[in-house]
Amino acid sequence: MKQNPEIEAWFNQKKRPAEAAMRRVREVVLGADPRLTEYIKYGTLQFGYEGDLANFVQHDKTTVNLMFNRGARIKVDFPHLESTHPSARFMRFADLAEVDARADELAAVARACCEMAAP
């Protein structure tokens, strides 16, 4: 994956306990669809296409929490996409091994978000 200086600065700014797992989530999400981009907004790493699609929340914890901002609109059921929030859905990962185990599902969710946001 091409190094993005803005994102590297965000990771280097503070040692995050789940950095390895977060970096793997980033790799999977960005590899899921070429339309996806990344940037820093509201103090966290955002993934976007036609707007903000997903971002890390509670990124100072030992687990990874990825919020899909409009995840409730995804028409496909994914077993690890959770929440009762009216618009957001979350994928949570305990560690790097869990990210690897769920990589295909994570990529499918990212693609579904792009399809939903496509003009």
N, C-alpha and C. Protein backbone atom coordinates (compact mmCIF):
# COMPACT_ATOMS: atom_id res chain seq x y z
N MET A 1 0.85 -1.18 0.00
CA MET A 1 0.00 0.00 0.00
C MET A 1 0.89 1.24 0.00
N LYS A 2 0.51 2.21 -0.78
CA LYS A 2 1.25 3.47 -0.86
C LYS A 2 1.15 4.22 0.47
N GLN A 3 2.27 4.73 0.93
CA GLN A 3 2.31 5.49 2.17
C GLN A 3 1.65 6.86 1.99
N ASN A 4 0.75 7.20 2.87
CA ASN A 4 0.11 8.51 2.88
C ASN A 4 0.72 9.27 4.06
N PRO A 5 1.49 10.32 3.81
CA PRO A 5 2.16 11.03 4.92
C PRO A 5 1.21 11.53 6.00
N GLU A 6 0.03 11.98 5.61
CA GLU A 6 -0.95 12.47 6.59
C GLU A 6 -1.39 11.34 7.53
N ILE A 7 -1.60 10.17 6.98
CA ILE A 7 -2.04 9.03 7.79
C ILE A 7 -0.89 8.52 8.66
N GLU A 8 0.31 8.46 8.08
CA GLU A 8 1.46 8.02 8.87
C GLU A 8 1.70 8.96 10.05
N ALA A 9 1.54 10.27 9.82
CA ALA A 9 1.68 11.24 10.91
C ALA A 9 0.64 10.99 12.00
N TRP A 10 -0.57 10.63 11.61
CA TRP A 10 -1.62 10.33 12.58
C TRP A 10 -1.24 9.11 13.42
N PHE A 11 -0.76 8.06 12.76
CA PHE A 11 -0.34 6.87 13.50
C PHE A 11 0.86 7.18 14.40
N ASN A 12 1.80 7.98 13.92
CA ASN A 12 3.02 8.27 14.67
C ASN A 12 2.82 9.29 15.78
N GLN A 13 1.73 10.05 15.71
CA GLN A 13 1.45 11.09 16.69
C GLN A 13 1.27 10.49 18.09
N LYS A 14 0.69 9.32 18.15
CA LYS A 14 0.41 8.68 19.43
C LYS A 14 0.44 7.18 19.23
N LYS A 15 1.08 6.49 20.12
CA LYS A 15 1.13 5.03 20.02
C LYS A 15 -0.23 4.47 20.42
N ARG A 16 -0.89 3.85 19.47
CA ARG A 16 -2.20 3.27 19.72
C ARG A 16 -2.03 1.79 20.03
N PRO A 17 -2.69 1.28 21.08
CA PRO A 17 -2.51 -0.12 21.48
C PRO A 17 -2.85 -1.13 20.39
N ALA A 18 -3.80 -0.81 19.53
CA ALA A 18 -4.24 -1.75 18.49
C ALA A 18 -3.73 -1.35 17.11
N GLU A 19 -2.58 -0.68 17.06
CA GLU A 19 -2.09 -0.15 15.78
C GLU A 19 -1.95 -1.21 14.69
N ALA A 20 -1.40 -2.35 15.02
CA ALA A 20 -1.21 -3.39 13.99
C ALA A 20 -2.55 -3.82 13.40
N ALA A 21 -3.54 -4.00 14.25
CA ALA A 21 -4.86 -4.40 13.77
C ALA A 21 -5.51 -3.26 12.99
N MET A 22 -5.32 -2.03 13.44
CA MET A 22 -5.88 -0.88 12.72
C MET A 22 -5.26 -0.76 11.33
N ARG A 23 -3.97 -0.96 11.25
CA ARG A 23 -3.30 -0.89 9.95
C ARG A 23 -3.81 -1.99 9.01
N ARG A 24 -4.10 -3.15 9.57
CA ARG A 24 -4.63 -4.25 8.74
C ARG A 24 -6.05 -3.91 8.27
N VAL A 25 -6.88 -3.35 9.14
CA VAL A 25 -8.22 -2.90 8.75
C VAL A 25 -8.09 -1.90 7.61
N ARG A 26 -7.19 -0.96 7.76
CA ARG A 26 -6.96 0.06 6.72
C ARG A 26 -6.59 -0.60 5.39
N GLU A 27 -5.71 -1.56 5.44
CA GLU A 27 -5.27 -2.27 4.23
C GLU A 27 -6.45 -2.98 3.55
N VAL A 28 -7.26 -3.66 4.35
CA VAL A 28 -8.41 -4.39 3.80
C VAL A 28 -9.42 -3.43 3.20
N VAL A 29 -9.75 -2.38 3.92
CA VAL A 29 -10.76 -1.42 3.44
C VAL A 29 -10.29 -0.76 2.14
N LEU A 30 -9.08 -0.25 2.13
CA LEU A 30 -8.60 0.43 0.92
C LEU A 30 -8.42 -0.52 -0.25
N GLY A 31 -8.14 -1.78 0.03
CA GLY A 31 -8.00 -2.77 -1.03
C GLY A 31 -9.32 -3.30 -1.55
N ALA A 32 -10.40 -2.99 -0.86
CA ALA A 32 -11.72 -3.52 -1.23
C ALA A 32 -12.30 -2.87 -2.47
N ASP A 33 -12.00 -1.60 -2.68
CA ASP A 33 -12.60 -0.87 -3.80
C ASP A 33 -11.68 0.30 -4.14
N PRO A 34 -11.31 0.44 -5.40
CA PRO A 34 -10.38 1.52 -5.77
C PRO A 34 -10.96 2.92 -5.60
N ARG A 35 -12.25 3.04 -5.42
CA ARG A 35 -12.86 4.36 -5.22
C ARG A 35 -12.62 4.90 -3.82
N LEU A 36 -12.26 4.05 -2.88
CA LEU A 36 -12.07 4.48 -1.50
C LEU A 36 -10.80 5.29 -1.32
N THR A 37 -10.91 6.34 -0.53
CA THR A 37 -9.77 7.17 -0.18
C THR A 37 -9.66 7.22 1.35
N GLU A 38 -8.59 7.83 1.82
CA GLU A 38 -8.39 7.98 3.26
C GLU A 38 -7.91 9.39 3.55
N TYR A 39 -8.27 9.89 4.72
CA TYR A 39 -7.87 11.23 5.14
C TYR A 39 -8.15 11.35 6.63
N ILE A 40 -7.62 12.39 7.22
CA ILE A 40 -7.85 12.66 8.64
C ILE A 40 -8.94 13.71 8.75
N LYS A 41 -9.93 13.43 9.58
CA LYS A 41 -11.02 14.37 9.82
C LYS A 41 -11.54 14.11 11.22
N TYR A 42 -11.84 15.16 11.94
CA TYR A 42 -12.33 15.05 13.31
C TYR A 42 -11.36 14.26 14.20
N GLY A 43 -10.07 14.35 13.89
CA GLY A 43 -9.06 13.71 14.71
C GLY A 43 -8.90 12.22 14.53
N THR A 44 -9.51 11.67 13.48
CA THR A 44 -9.39 10.24 13.26
C THR A 44 -9.24 9.93 11.78
N LEU A 45 -8.84 8.72 11.50
CA LEU A 45 -8.68 8.27 10.12
C LEU A 45 -10.06 7.97 9.54
N GLN A 46 -10.35 8.60 8.42
CA GLN A 46 -11.63 8.42 7.73
C GLN A 46 -11.40 7.70 6.41
N PHE A 47 -12.35 6.90 6.03
CA PHE A 47 -12.37 6.30 4.70
C PHE A 47 -13.56 6.91 3.98
N GLY A 48 -13.37 7.30 2.74
CA GLY A 48 -14.46 7.96 2.05
C GLY A 48 -14.57 7.65 0.58
N TYR A 49 -15.78 7.83 0.12
CA TYR A 49 -16.13 7.84 -1.30
C TYR A 49 -17.47 8.55 -1.36
N GLU A 50 -17.52 9.64 -2.09
CA GLU A 50 -18.75 10.44 -2.15
C GLU A 50 -19.20 10.83 -0.73
N GLY A 51 -18.24 11.18 0.10
CA GLY A 51 -18.51 11.55 1.49
C GLY A 51 -17.81 10.60 2.46
N ASP A 52 -17.98 10.86 3.73
CA ASP A 52 -17.36 10.04 4.77
C ASP A 52 -18.12 8.73 4.89
N LEU A 53 -17.42 7.61 4.71
CA LEU A 53 -18.07 6.30 4.80
C LEU A 53 -17.82 5.59 6.12
N ALA A 54 -16.58 5.64 6.58
CA ALA A 54 -16.24 4.89 7.80
C ALA A 54 -15.07 5.57 8.48
N ASN A 55 -14.94 5.32 9.78
CA ASN A 55 -13.81 5.86 10.52
C ASN A 55 -13.58 5.04 11.79
N PHE A 56 -12.36 5.17 12.29
CA PHE A 56 -12.03 4.53 13.57
C PHE A 56 -12.61 5.37 14.69
N VAL A 57 -13.25 4.72 15.63
CA VAL A 57 -13.74 5.38 16.84
C VAL A 57 -13.09 4.68 18.04
N GLN A 58 -13.00 5.41 19.13
CA GLN A 58 -12.37 4.88 20.35
C GLN A 58 -11.02 4.26 20.00
N HIS A 59 -10.22 5.00 19.22
CA HIS A 59 -8.98 4.45 18.70
C HIS A 59 -7.84 4.39 19.71
N ASP A 60 -8.10 4.70 20.94
CA ASP A 60 -7.07 4.56 21.98
C ASP A 60 -7.26 3.29 22.80
N LYS A 61 -8.16 2.43 22.39
CA LYS A 61 -8.42 1.17 23.10
C LYS A 61 -7.55 0.04 22.54
N THR A 62 -7.59 -1.08 23.20
CA THR A 62 -6.81 -2.25 22.75
C THR A 62 -7.54 -3.01 21.65
N THR A 63 -8.77 -2.64 21.38
CA THR A 63 -9.55 -3.25 20.31
C THR A 63 -9.75 -2.24 19.20
N VAL A 64 -10.21 -2.72 18.05
CA VAL A 64 -10.47 -1.83 16.90
C VAL A 64 -11.97 -1.70 16.73
N ASN A 65 -12.43 -0.47 16.62
CA ASN A 65 -13.84 -0.17 16.40
C ASN A 65 -13.95 0.69 15.14
N LEU A 66 -14.52 0.11 14.11
CA LEU A 66 -14.69 0.82 12.85
C LEU A 66 -16.18 1.13 12.68
N MET A 67 -16.49 2.43 12.55
CA MET A 67 -17.88 2.85 12.40
C MET A 67 -18.16 3.15 10.94
N PHE A 68 -19.20 2.53 10.41
CA PHE A 68 -19.70 2.82 9.08
C PHE A 68 -20.83 3.83 9.26
N ASN A 69 -20.58 5.06 8.85
CA ASN A 69 -21.47 6.18 9.17
C ASN A 69 -22.91 5.98 8.72
N ARG A 70 -23.10 5.40 7.56
CA ARG A 70 -24.46 5.16 7.04
C ARG A 70 -24.71 3.66 6.90
N GLY A 71 -24.11 2.88 7.77
CA GLY A 71 -24.18 1.43 7.69
C GLY A 71 -25.58 0.85 7.80
N ALA A 72 -26.49 1.56 8.43
CA ALA A 72 -27.86 1.05 8.57
C ALA A 72 -28.57 0.96 7.22
N ARG A 73 -28.07 1.68 6.23
CA ARG A 73 -28.69 1.66 4.90
C ARG A 73 -28.20 0.51 4.02
N ILE A 74 -27.19 -0.22 4.48
CA ILE A 74 -26.69 -1.34 3.69
C ILE A 74 -27.79 -2.40 3.63
N LYS A 75 -28.10 -2.84 2.44
CA LYS A 75 -29.22 -3.77 2.25
C LYS A 75 -28.86 -5.24 2.49
N VAL A 76 -27.58 -5.53 2.59
CA VAL A 76 -27.13 -6.91 2.81
C VAL A 76 -26.84 -7.10 4.29
N ASP A 77 -27.19 -8.25 4.83
CA ASP A 77 -26.87 -8.56 6.22
C ASP A 77 -25.46 -9.13 6.31
N PHE A 78 -24.68 -8.56 7.19
CA PHE A 78 -23.33 -9.05 7.46
C PHE A 78 -23.29 -9.48 8.93
N PRO A 79 -22.77 -10.66 9.21
CA PRO A 79 -22.83 -11.19 10.57
C PRO A 79 -22.12 -10.37 11.64
N HIS A 80 -21.09 -9.60 11.27
CA HIS A 80 -20.34 -8.86 12.27
C HIS A 80 -20.55 -7.35 12.19
N LEU A 81 -21.54 -6.92 11.45
CA LEU A 81 -21.91 -5.51 11.38
C LEU A 81 -23.01 -5.31 12.41
N GLU A 82 -22.74 -4.52 13.43
CA GLU A 82 -23.66 -4.47 14.57
C GLU A 82 -24.03 -3.05 14.97
N SER A 83 -25.15 -2.91 15.63
CA SER A 83 -25.63 -1.71 16.28
C SER A 83 -27.12 -1.57 16.06
N THR A 84 -27.74 -0.86 16.95
CA THR A 84 -29.15 -0.51 16.78
C THR A 84 -29.28 0.99 16.52
N HIS A 85 -28.17 1.67 16.32
CA HIS A 85 -28.17 3.10 16.02
C HIS A 85 -28.99 3.33 14.75
N PRO A 86 -29.71 4.43 14.64
CA PRO A 86 -30.54 4.67 13.46
C PRO A 86 -29.78 4.79 12.14
N SER A 87 -28.50 5.15 12.19
CA SER A 87 -27.76 5.26 10.93
C SER A 87 -26.43 4.51 10.91
N ALA A 88 -25.68 4.52 11.98
CA ALA A 88 -24.35 3.92 12.00
C ALA A 88 -24.38 2.43 12.31
N ARG A 89 -23.35 1.74 11.81
CA ARG A 89 -23.11 0.34 12.15
C ARG A 89 -21.63 0.20 12.44
N PHE A 90 -21.27 -0.79 13.24
CA PHE A 90 -19.89 -0.96 13.68
C PHE A 90 -19.40 -2.37 13.37
N MET A 91 -18.11 -2.45 13.07
CA MET A 91 -17.40 -3.74 13.07
C MET A 91 -16.32 -3.59 14.12
N ARG A 92 -16.27 -4.55 15.01
CA ARG A 92 -15.31 -4.51 16.12
C ARG A 92 -14.39 -5.72 15.99
N PHE A 93 -13.13 -5.49 16.28
CA PHE A 93 -12.12 -6.53 16.17
C PHE A 93 -11.29 -6.57 17.45
N ALA A 94 -11.14 -7.75 18.02
CA ALA A 94 -10.37 -7.90 19.25
C ALA A 94 -8.88 -7.76 19.02
N ASP A 95 -8.42 -8.20 17.84
CA ASP A 95 -6.98 -8.20 17.58
C ASP A 95 -6.72 -8.42 16.09
N LEU A 96 -5.45 -8.48 15.74
CA LEU A 96 -5.05 -8.67 14.35
C LEU A 96 -5.58 -9.98 13.78
N ALA A 97 -5.55 -11.03 14.56
CA ALA A 97 -6.04 -12.33 14.08
C ALA A 97 -7.52 -12.25 13.71
N GLU A 98 -8.29 -11.52 14.48
CA GLU A 98 -9.72 -11.38 14.17
C GLU A 98 -9.93 -10.55 12.91
N VAL A 99 -9.11 -9.53 12.69
CA VAL A 99 -9.20 -8.76 11.45
C VAL A 99 -8.93 -9.68 10.27
N ASP A 100 -7.87 -10.48 10.37
CA ASP A 100 -7.55 -11.41 9.28
C ASP A 100 -8.69 -12.41 9.05
N ALA A 101 -9.28 -12.91 10.11
CA ALA A 101 -10.36 -13.89 9.98
C ALA A 101 -11.60 -13.30 9.33
N ARG A 102 -11.83 -12.00 9.52
CA ARG A 102 -13.02 -11.34 8.99
C ARG A 102 -12.72 -10.44 7.79
N ALA A 103 -11.53 -10.56 7.22
CA ALA A 103 -11.12 -9.65 6.14
C ALA A 103 -12.07 -9.68 4.95
N ASP A 104 -12.53 -10.85 4.56
CA ASP A 104 -13.44 -10.92 3.41
C ASP A 104 -14.75 -10.20 3.70
N GLU A 105 -15.28 -10.39 4.89
CA GLU A 105 -16.53 -9.71 5.25
C GLU A 105 -16.31 -8.20 5.32
N LEU A 106 -15.20 -7.76 5.93
CA LEU A 106 -14.90 -6.33 6.01
C LEU A 106 -14.81 -5.72 4.62
N ALA A 107 -14.13 -6.39 3.70
CA ALA A 107 -14.02 -5.89 2.33
C ALA A 107 -15.39 -5.82 1.67
N ALA A 108 -16.23 -6.80 1.90
CA ALA A 108 -17.57 -6.80 1.33
C ALA A 108 -18.41 -5.64 1.87
N VAL A 109 -18.27 -5.34 3.16
CA VAL A 109 -18.99 -4.20 3.74
C VAL A 109 -18.49 -2.90 3.10
N ALA A 110 -17.19 -2.77 2.94
CA ALA A 110 -16.63 -1.56 2.32
C ALA A 110 -17.15 -1.40 0.90
N ARG A 111 -17.20 -2.49 0.14
CA ARG A 111 -17.73 -2.42 -1.23
C ARG A 111 -19.21 -2.05 -1.22
N ALA A 112 -19.97 -2.61 -0.29
CA ALA A 112 -21.40 -2.30 -0.19
C ALA A 112 -21.60 -0.81 0.12
N CYS A 113 -20.75 -0.24 0.95
CA CYS A 113 -20.84 1.19 1.25
C CYS A 113 -20.58 2.02 -0.01
N CYS A 114 -19.60 1.61 -0.81
CA CYS A 114 -19.31 2.33 -2.05
C CYS A 114 -20.50 2.25 -3.00
N GLU A 115 -21.05 1.08 -3.14
CA GLU A 115 -22.20 0.90 -4.04
C GLU A 115 -23.38 1.76 -3.57
N MET A 116 -23.58 1.82 -2.28
CA MET A 116 -24.68 2.59 -1.73
C MET A 116 -24.47 4.10 -1.98
N ALA A 117 -23.21 4.53 -1.94
CA ALA A 117 -22.90 5.95 -2.10
C ALA A 117 -22.71 6.38 -3.55
N ALA A 118 -22.63 5.41 -4.46
CA ALA A 118 -22.35 5.74 -5.86
C ALA A 118 -23.43 6.65 -6.43
N PRO A 119 -22.99 7.66 -7.19
CA PRO A 119 -23.97 8.59 -7.80
C PRO A 119 -24.77 7.92 -8.90
